């Protein structure tokens, strides 16, 4: 079962792995990585080092980027 955008927002805030239809997030070593489709759009470490791509993509990926920005305050 896929996560919906409400649960994705909550899981982003707590760095909990999730899988939606086109957006997912999971740990890669000590870095939490967020994907839109198969593109990495953001990373976060337990130390609070946050990176979010400044690139512009499709409307759906832009929506995903917005979820990350709101959850992580970027």
PDB file of N, CA and C in Angstrom:
ATOM      1  N   UNK A   1       0.840  -1.185   0.000  1.00  0.00           N
ATOM      2  CA  UNK A   1       0.000   0.000   0.000  1.00  0.00           C
ATOM      3  C   UNK A   1       0.888   1.253   0.000  1.00  0.00           C
ATOM      4  N   UNK A   2       0.559   2.199  -0.836  1.00  0.00           N
ATOM      5  CA  UNK A   2       1.338   3.429  -0.949  1.00  0.00           C
ATOM      6  C   UNK A   2       0.935   4.431   0.127  1.00  0.00           C
ATOM      7  N   UNK A   3       1.911   5.243   0.510  1.00  0.00           N
ATOM      8  CA  UNK A   3       1.624   6.353   1.416  1.00  0.00           C
ATOM      9  C   UNK A   3       0.925   7.447   0.626  1.00  0.00           C
ATOM     10  N   UNK A   4       0.027   8.191   1.301  1.00  0.00           N
ATOM     11  CA  UNK A   4      -0.599   9.344   0.658  1.00  0.00           C
ATOM     12  C   UNK A   4       0.172  10.598   1.068  1.00  0.00           C
ATOM     13  N   UNK A   5      -0.193  11.744   0.483  1.00  0.00           N
ATOM     14  CA  UNK A   5       0.585  12.964   0.741  1.00  0.00           C
ATOM     15  C   UNK A   5       0.532  13.394   2.204  1.00  0.00           C
ATOM     16  N   UNK A   6      -0.554  13.097   2.909  1.00  0.00           N
ATOM     17  CA  UNK A   6      -0.621  13.454   4.325  1.00  0.00           C
ATOM     18  C   UNK A   6       0.388  12.647   5.134  1.00  0.00           C
ATOM     19  N   UNK A   7       0.434  11.337   4.898  1.00  0.00           N
ATOM     20  CA  UNK A   7       1.387  10.516   5.646  1.00  0.00           C
ATOM     21  C   UNK A   7       2.816  10.799   5.182  1.00  0.00           C
ATOM     22  N   UNK A   8       2.994  11.132   3.918  1.00  0.00           N
ATOM     23  CA  UNK A   8       4.330  11.482   3.423  1.00  0.00           C
ATOM     24  C   UNK A   8       4.848  12.712   4.155  1.00  0.00           C
ATOM     25  N   UNK A   9       4.009  13.728   4.332  1.00  0.00           N
ATOM     26  CA  UNK A   9       4.419  14.936   5.029  1.00  0.00           C
ATOM     27  C   UNK A   9       4.875  14.601   6.446  1.00  0.00           C
ATOM     28  N   UNK A  10       4.126  13.776   7.137  1.00  0.00           N
ATOM     29  CA  UNK A  10       4.483  13.369   8.497  1.00  0.00           C
ATOM     30  C   UNK A  10       5.793  12.587   8.516  1.00  0.00           C
ATOM     31  N   UNK A  11       5.956  11.693   7.552  1.00  0.00           N
ATOM     32  CA  UNK A  11       7.165  10.870   7.506  1.00  0.00           C
ATOM     33  C   UNK A  11       8.397  11.684   7.124  1.00  0.00           C
ATOM     34  N   UNK A  12       8.223  12.694   6.290  1.00  0.00           N
ATOM     35  CA  UNK A  12       9.337  13.586   5.982  1.00  0.00           C
ATOM     36  C   UNK A  12       9.808  14.301   7.244  1.00  0.00           C
ATOM     37  N   UNK A  13       8.871  14.748   8.057  1.00  0.00           N
ATOM     38  CA  UNK A  13       9.222  15.473   9.278  1.00  0.00           C
ATOM     39  C   UNK A  13       9.993  14.604  10.263  1.00  0.00           C
ATOM     40  N   UNK A  14       9.720  13.311  10.276  1.00  0.00           N
ATOM     41  CA  UNK A  14      10.370  12.408  11.231  1.00  0.00           C
ATOM     42  C   UNK A  14      11.455  11.541  10.580  1.00  0.00           C
ATOM     43  N   UNK A  15      11.730  11.806   9.299  1.00  0.00           N
ATOM     44  CA  UNK A  15      12.730  11.030   8.536  1.00  0.00           C
ATOM     45  C   UNK A  15      12.434   9.535   8.605  1.00  0.00           C
ATOM     46  N   UNK A  16      11.171   9.208   8.366  1.00  0.00           N
ATOM     47  CA  UNK A  16      10.719   7.822   8.340  1.00  0.00           C
ATOM     48  C   UNK A  16      10.569   7.385   6.885  1.00  0.00           C
ATOM     49  N   UNK A  17      11.125   6.242   6.493  1.00  0.00           N
ATOM     50  CA  UNK A  17      10.989   5.786   5.106  1.00  0.00           C
ATOM     51  C   UNK A  17       9.523   5.714   4.665  1.00  0.00           C
ATOM     52  N   UNK A  18       9.286   6.051   3.396  1.00  0.00           N
ATOM     53  CA  UNK A  18       7.935   6.017   2.840  1.00  0.00           C
ATOM     54  C   UNK A  18       8.002   5.698   1.362  1.00  0.00           C
ATOM     55  N   UNK A  19       6.854   5.280   0.803  1.00  0.00           N
ATOM     56  CA  UNK A  19       6.760   5.025  -0.629  1.00  0.00           C
ATOM     57  C   UNK A  19       5.382   5.437  -1.089  1.00  0.00           C
ATOM     58  N   UNK A  20       5.349   6.481  -1.897  1.00  0.00           N
ATOM     59  CA  UNK A  20       4.105   6.912  -2.528  1.00  0.00           C
ATOM     60  C   UNK A  20       4.083   6.404  -3.957  1.00  0.00           C
ATOM     61  N   UNK A  21       3.129   6.864  -4.731  1.00  0.00           N
ATOM     62  CA  UNK A  21       3.064   6.436  -6.129  1.00  0.00           C
ATOM     63  C   UNK A  21       4.267   6.914  -6.930  1.00  0.00           C
ATOM     64  N   UNK A  22       4.655   8.182  -6.740  1.00  0.00           N
ATOM     65  CA  UNK A  22       5.753   8.746  -7.526  1.00  0.00           C
ATOM     66  C   UNK A  22       6.815   9.422  -6.666  1.00  0.00           C
ATOM     67  N   UNK A  23       6.633   9.374  -5.351  1.00  0.00           N
ATOM     68  CA  UNK A  23       7.570  10.007  -4.421  1.00  0.00           C
ATOM     69  C   UNK A  23       7.934   8.996  -3.348  1.00  0.00           C
ATOM     70  N   UNK A  24       9.221   8.955  -2.992  1.00  0.00           N
ATOM     71  CA  UNK A  24       9.649   8.025  -1.955  1.00  0.00           C
ATOM     72  C   UNK A  24      10.806   8.617  -1.176  1.00  0.00           C
ATOM     73  N   UNK A  25      11.027   8.057  -0.007  1.00  0.00           N
ATOM     74  CA  UNK A  25      12.135   8.488   0.827  1.00  0.00           C
ATOM     75  C   UNK A  25      12.655   7.309   1.621  1.00  0.00           C
ATOM     76  N   UNK A  26      13.971   7.217   1.745  1.00  0.00           N
ATOM     77  CA  UNK A  26      14.566   6.109   2.481  1.00  0.00           C
ATOM     78  C   UNK A  26      15.978   6.478   2.894  1.00  0.00           C
ATOM     79  N   UNK A  27      16.492   5.737   3.858  1.00  0.00           N
ATOM     80  CA  UNK A  27      17.862   5.943   4.322  1.00  0.00           C
ATOM     81  C   UNK A  27      18.846   5.292   3.365  1.00  0.00           C
ATOM     82  N   UNK A  28      19.903   6.014   3.062  1.00  0.00           N
ATOM     83  CA  UNK A  28      21.046   5.492   2.326  1.00  0.00           C
ATOM     84  C   UNK A  28      22.243   5.751   3.231  1.00  0.00           C
ATOM     85  N   UNK A  29      22.589   4.758   4.034  1.00  0.00           N
ATOM     86  CA  UNK A  29      23.624   4.959   5.042  1.00  0.00           C
ATOM     87  C   UNK A  29      23.094   5.902   6.098  1.00  0.00           C
ATOM     88  N   UNK A  30      23.810   7.007   6.335  1.00  0.00           N
ATOM     89  CA  UNK A  30      23.365   7.975   7.342  1.00  0.00           C
ATOM     90  C   UNK A  30      22.659   9.184   6.731  1.00  0.00           C
ATOM     91  N   UNK A  31      22.196   9.033   5.488  1.00  0.00           N
ATOM     92  CA  UNK A  31      21.529  10.136   4.791  1.00  0.00           C
ATOM     93  C   UNK A  31      20.133   9.705   4.364  1.00  0.00           C
ATOM     94  N   UNK A  32      19.143  10.543   4.696  1.00  0.00           N
ATOM     95  CA  UNK A  32      17.772  10.298   4.250  1.00  0.00           C
ATOM     96  C   UNK A  32      17.629  10.936   2.874  1.00  0.00           C
ATOM     97  N   UNK A  33      17.242  10.150   1.891  1.00  0.00           N
ATOM     98  CA  UNK A  33      17.175  10.605   0.505  1.00  0.00           C
ATOM     99  C   UNK A  33      15.724  10.593   0.036  1.00  0.00           C
ATOM    100  N   UNK A  34      15.305  11.690  -0.601  1.00  0.00           N
ATOM    101  CA  UNK A  34      13.944  11.796  -1.124  1.00  0.00           C
ATOM    102  C   UNK A  34      14.016  11.785  -2.653  1.00  0.00           C
ATOM    103  N   UNK A  35      13.175  10.952  -3.236  1.00  0.00           N
ATOM    104  CA  UNK A  35      13.111  10.801  -4.689  1.00  0.00           C
ATOM    105  C   UNK A  35      11.757  11.256  -5.209  1.00  0.00           C
ATOM    106  N   UNK A  36      11.772  11.895  -6.363  1.00  0.00           N
ATOM    107  CA  UNK A  36      10.563  12.137  -7.135  1.00  0.00           C
ATOM    108  C   UNK A  36      10.771  11.332  -8.406  1.00  0.00           C
ATOM    109  N   UNK A  37       9.914  10.351  -8.610  1.00  0.00           N
ATOM    110  CA  UNK A  37      10.139   9.340  -9.634  1.00  0.00           C
ATOM    111  C   UNK A  37      11.489   8.695  -9.304  1.00  0.00           C
ATOM    112  N   UNK A  38      12.488   8.784 -10.134  1.00  0.00           N
ATOM    113  CA  UNK A  38      13.794   8.197  -9.800  1.00  0.00           C
ATOM    114  C   UNK A  38      14.875   9.260  -9.611  1.00  0.00           C
ATOM    115  N   UNK A  39      14.471  10.517  -9.489  1.00  0.00           N
ATOM    116  CA  UNK A  39      15.399  11.635  -9.340  1.00  0.00           C
ATOM    117  C   UNK A  39      15.522  12.024  -7.865  1.00  0.00           C
ATOM    118  N   UNK A  40      16.752  12.156  -7.394  1.00  0.00           N
ATOM    119  CA  UNK A  40      16.971  12.628  -6.026  1.00  0.00           C
ATOM    120  C   UNK A  40      16.668  14.126  -5.990  1.00  0.00           C
ATOM    121  N   UNK A  41      15.732  14.510  -5.108  1.00  0.00           N
ATOM    122  CA  UNK A  41      15.372  15.933  -5.021  1.00  0.00           C
ATOM    123  C   UNK A  41      15.776  16.551  -3.688  1.00  0.00           C
ATOM    124  N   UNK A  42      16.135  15.712  -2.689  1.00  0.00           N
ATOM    125  CA  UNK A  42      16.529  16.268  -1.395  1.00  0.00           C
ATOM    126  C   UNK A  42      17.217  15.211  -0.544  1.00  0.00           C
ATOM    127  N   UNK A  43      18.068  15.692   0.372  1.00  0.00           N
ATOM    128  CA  UNK A  43      18.715  14.808   1.344  1.00  0.00           C
ATOM    129  C   UNK A  43      18.734  15.491   2.702  1.00  0.00           C
ATOM    130  N   UNK A  44      18.827  14.658   3.748  1.00  0.00           N
ATOM    131  CA  UNK A  44      18.854  15.175   5.109  1.00  0.00           C
ATOM    132  C   UNK A  44      19.641  14.180   5.955  1.00  0.00           C
ATOM    133  N   UNK A  45      20.481  14.695   6.843  1.00  0.00           N
ATOM    134  CA  UNK A  45      21.246  13.823   7.731  1.00  0.00           C
ATOM    135  C   UNK A  45      20.769  14.021   9.165  1.00  0.00           C
ATOM    136  N   UNK A  46      21.056  13.073  10.044  1.00  0.00           N
ATOM    137  CA  UNK A  46      20.661  13.238  11.449  1.00  0.00           C
ATOM    138  C   UNK A  46      21.249  14.498  12.088  1.00  0.00           C
ATOM    139  N   UNK A  47      22.374  14.978  11.566  1.00  0.00           N
ATOM    140  CA  UNK A  47      22.991  16.207  12.085  1.00  0.00           C
ATOM    141  C   UNK A  47      22.262  17.458  11.594  1.00  0.00           C
ATOM    142  N   UNK A  48      21.292  17.283  10.701  1.00  0.00           N
ATOM    143  CA  UNK A  48      20.531  18.423  10.201  1.00  0.00           C
ATOM    144  C   UNK A  48      21.084  19.074   8.951  1.00  0.00           C
ATOM    145  N   UNK A  49      21.986  18.404   8.255  1.00  0.00           N
ATOM    146  CA  UNK A  49      22.502  18.928   6.986  1.00  0.00           C
ATOM    147  C   UNK A  49      21.475  18.622   5.897  1.00  0.00           C
ATOM    148  N   UNK A  50      20.819  19.668   5.436  1.00  0.00           N
ATOM    149  CA  UNK A  50      19.733  19.514   4.475  1.00  0.00           C
ATOM    150  C   UNK A  50      20.161  20.066   3.125  1.00  0.00           C
ATOM    151  N   UNK A  51      19.838  19.326   2.076  1.00  0.00           N
ATOM    152  CA  UNK A  51      20.071  19.779   0.709  1.00  0.00           C
ATOM    153  C   UNK A  51      18.784  19.537  -0.076  1.00  0.00           C
ATOM    154  N   UNK A  52      18.364  20.520  -0.849  1.00  0.00           N
ATOM    155  CA  UNK A  52      17.226  20.378  -1.752  1.00  0.00           C
ATOM    156  C   UNK A  52      17.634  20.955  -3.095  1.00  0.00           C
ATOM    157  N   UNK A  53      17.388  20.220  -4.136  1.00  0.00           N
ATOM    158  CA  UNK A  53      17.797  20.672  -5.458  1.00  0.00           C
ATOM    159  C   UNK A  53      17.102  21.976  -5.839  1.00  0.00           C
ATOM    160  N   UNK A  54      17.839  22.904  -6.413  1.00  0.00           N
ATOM    161  CA  UNK A  54      17.226  24.146  -6.881  1.00  0.00           C
ATOM    162  C   UNK A  54      16.650  24.001  -8.300  1.00  0.00           C
ATOM    163  N   UNK A  55      16.898  22.849  -8.920  1.00  0.00           N
ATOM    164  CA  UNK A  55      16.433  22.615 -10.292  1.00  0.00           C
ATOM    165  C   UNK A  55      14.911  22.623 -10.368  1.00  0.00           C
ATOM    166  N   UNK A  56      14.403  23.018 -11.516  1.00  0.00           N
ATOM    167  CA  UNK A  56      12.958  22.981 -11.756  1.00  0.00           C
ATOM    168  C   UNK A  56      12.652  21.767 -12.625  1.00  0.00           C
ATOM    169  N   UNK A  57      11.578  21.089 -12.262  1.00  0.00           N
ATOM    170  CA  UNK A  57      11.169  19.883 -12.970  1.00  0.00           C
ATOM    171  C   UNK A  57       9.699  19.986 -13.334  1.00  0.00           C
ATOM    172  N   UNK A  58       9.057  18.847 -13.477  1.00  0.00           N
ATOM    173  CA  UNK A  58       7.642  18.800 -13.842  1.00  0.00           C
ATOM    174  C   UNK A  58       6.766  19.372 -12.733  1.00  0.00           C
ATOM    175  N   UNK A  59       5.498  19.529 -13.029  1.00  0.00           N
ATOM    176  CA  UNK A  59       4.555  20.042 -12.048  1.00  0.00           C
ATOM    177  C   UNK A  59       4.473  19.106 -10.833  1.00  0.00           C
ATOM    178  N   UNK A  60       4.484  17.807 -11.082  1.00  0.00           N
ATOM    179  CA  UNK A  60       4.403  16.844  -9.979  1.00  0.00           C
ATOM    180  C   UNK A  60       5.650  16.903  -9.109  1.00  0.00           C
ATOM    181  N   UNK A  61       6.825  16.941  -9.719  1.00  0.00           N
ATOM    182  CA  UNK A  61       8.057  17.018  -8.938  1.00  0.00           C
ATOM    183  C   UNK A  61       8.128  18.334  -8.181  1.00  0.00           C
ATOM    184  N   UNK A  62       7.649  19.415  -8.760  1.00  0.00           N
ATOM    185  CA  UNK A  62       7.598  20.694  -8.055  1.00  0.00           C
ATOM    186  C   UNK A  62       6.720  20.580  -6.813  1.00  0.00           C
ATOM    187  N   UNK A  63       5.632  19.843  -6.921  1.00  0.00           N
ATOM    188  CA  UNK A  63       4.761  19.603  -5.770  1.00  0.00           C
ATOM    189  C   UNK A  63       5.523  18.818  -4.697  1.00  0.00           C
ATOM    190  N   UNK A  64       6.281  17.815  -5.114  1.00  0.00           N
ATOM    191  CA  UNK A  64       7.088  17.030  -4.173  1.00  0.00           C
ATOM    192  C   UNK A  64       8.119  17.920  -3.480  1.00  0.00           C
ATOM    193  N   UNK A  65       8.742  18.799  -4.244  1.00  0.00           N
ATOM    194  CA  UNK A  65       9.731  19.722  -3.670  1.00  0.00           C
ATOM    195  C   UNK A  65       9.077  20.617  -2.615  1.00  0.00           C
ATOM    196  N   UNK A  66       7.844  21.012  -2.845  1.00  0.00           N
ATOM    197  CA  UNK A  66       7.118  21.820  -1.880  1.00  0.00           C
ATOM    198  C   UNK A  66       6.883  21.070  -0.577  1.00  0.00           C
ATOM    199  N   UNK A  67       6.561  19.803  -0.668  1.00  0.00           N
ATOM    200  CA  UNK A  67       6.381  18.985   0.535  1.00  0.00           C
ATOM    201  C   UNK A  67       7.673  18.931   1.344  1.00  0.00           C
ATOM    202  N   UNK A  68       8.787  18.744   0.655  1.00  0.00           N
ATOM    203  CA  UNK A  68      10.086  18.692   1.338  1.00  0.00           C
ATOM    204  C   UNK A  68      10.390  20.035   1.989  1.00  0.00           C
ATOM    205  N   UNK A  69      10.178  21.132   1.263  1.00  0.00           N
ATOM    206  CA  UNK A  69      10.464  22.460   1.806  1.00  0.00           C
ATOM    207  C   UNK A  69       9.659  22.736   3.075  1.00  0.00           C
ATOM    208  N   UNK A  70       8.391  22.396   3.048  1.00  0.00           N
ATOM    209  CA  UNK A  70       7.549  22.629   4.219  1.00  0.00           C
ATOM    210  C   UNK A  70       7.966  21.740   5.391  1.00  0.00           C
ATOM    211  N   UNK A  71       8.258  20.479   5.111  1.00  0.00           N
ATOM    212  CA  UNK A  71       8.604  19.549   6.188  1.00  0.00           C
ATOM    213  C   UNK A  71       9.953  19.872   6.820  1.00  0.00           C
ATOM    214  N   UNK A  72      10.900  20.314   6.009  1.00  0.00           N
ATOM    215  CA  UNK A  72      12.271  20.526   6.485  1.00  0.00           C
ATOM    216  C   UNK A  72      12.631  21.994   6.660  1.00  0.00           C
ATOM    217  N   UNK A  73      11.721  22.889   6.336  1.00  0.00           N
ATOM    218  CA  UNK A  73      11.995  24.314   6.505  1.00  0.00           C
ATOM    219  C   UNK A  73      13.085  24.843   5.595  1.00  0.00           C
ATOM    220  N   UNK A  74      13.111  24.331   4.366  1.00  0.00           N
ATOM    221  CA  UNK A  74      14.129  24.802   3.407  1.00  0.00           C
ATOM    222  C   UNK A  74      13.517  25.784   2.452  1.00  0.00           C
TER     223      UNK A  74
END
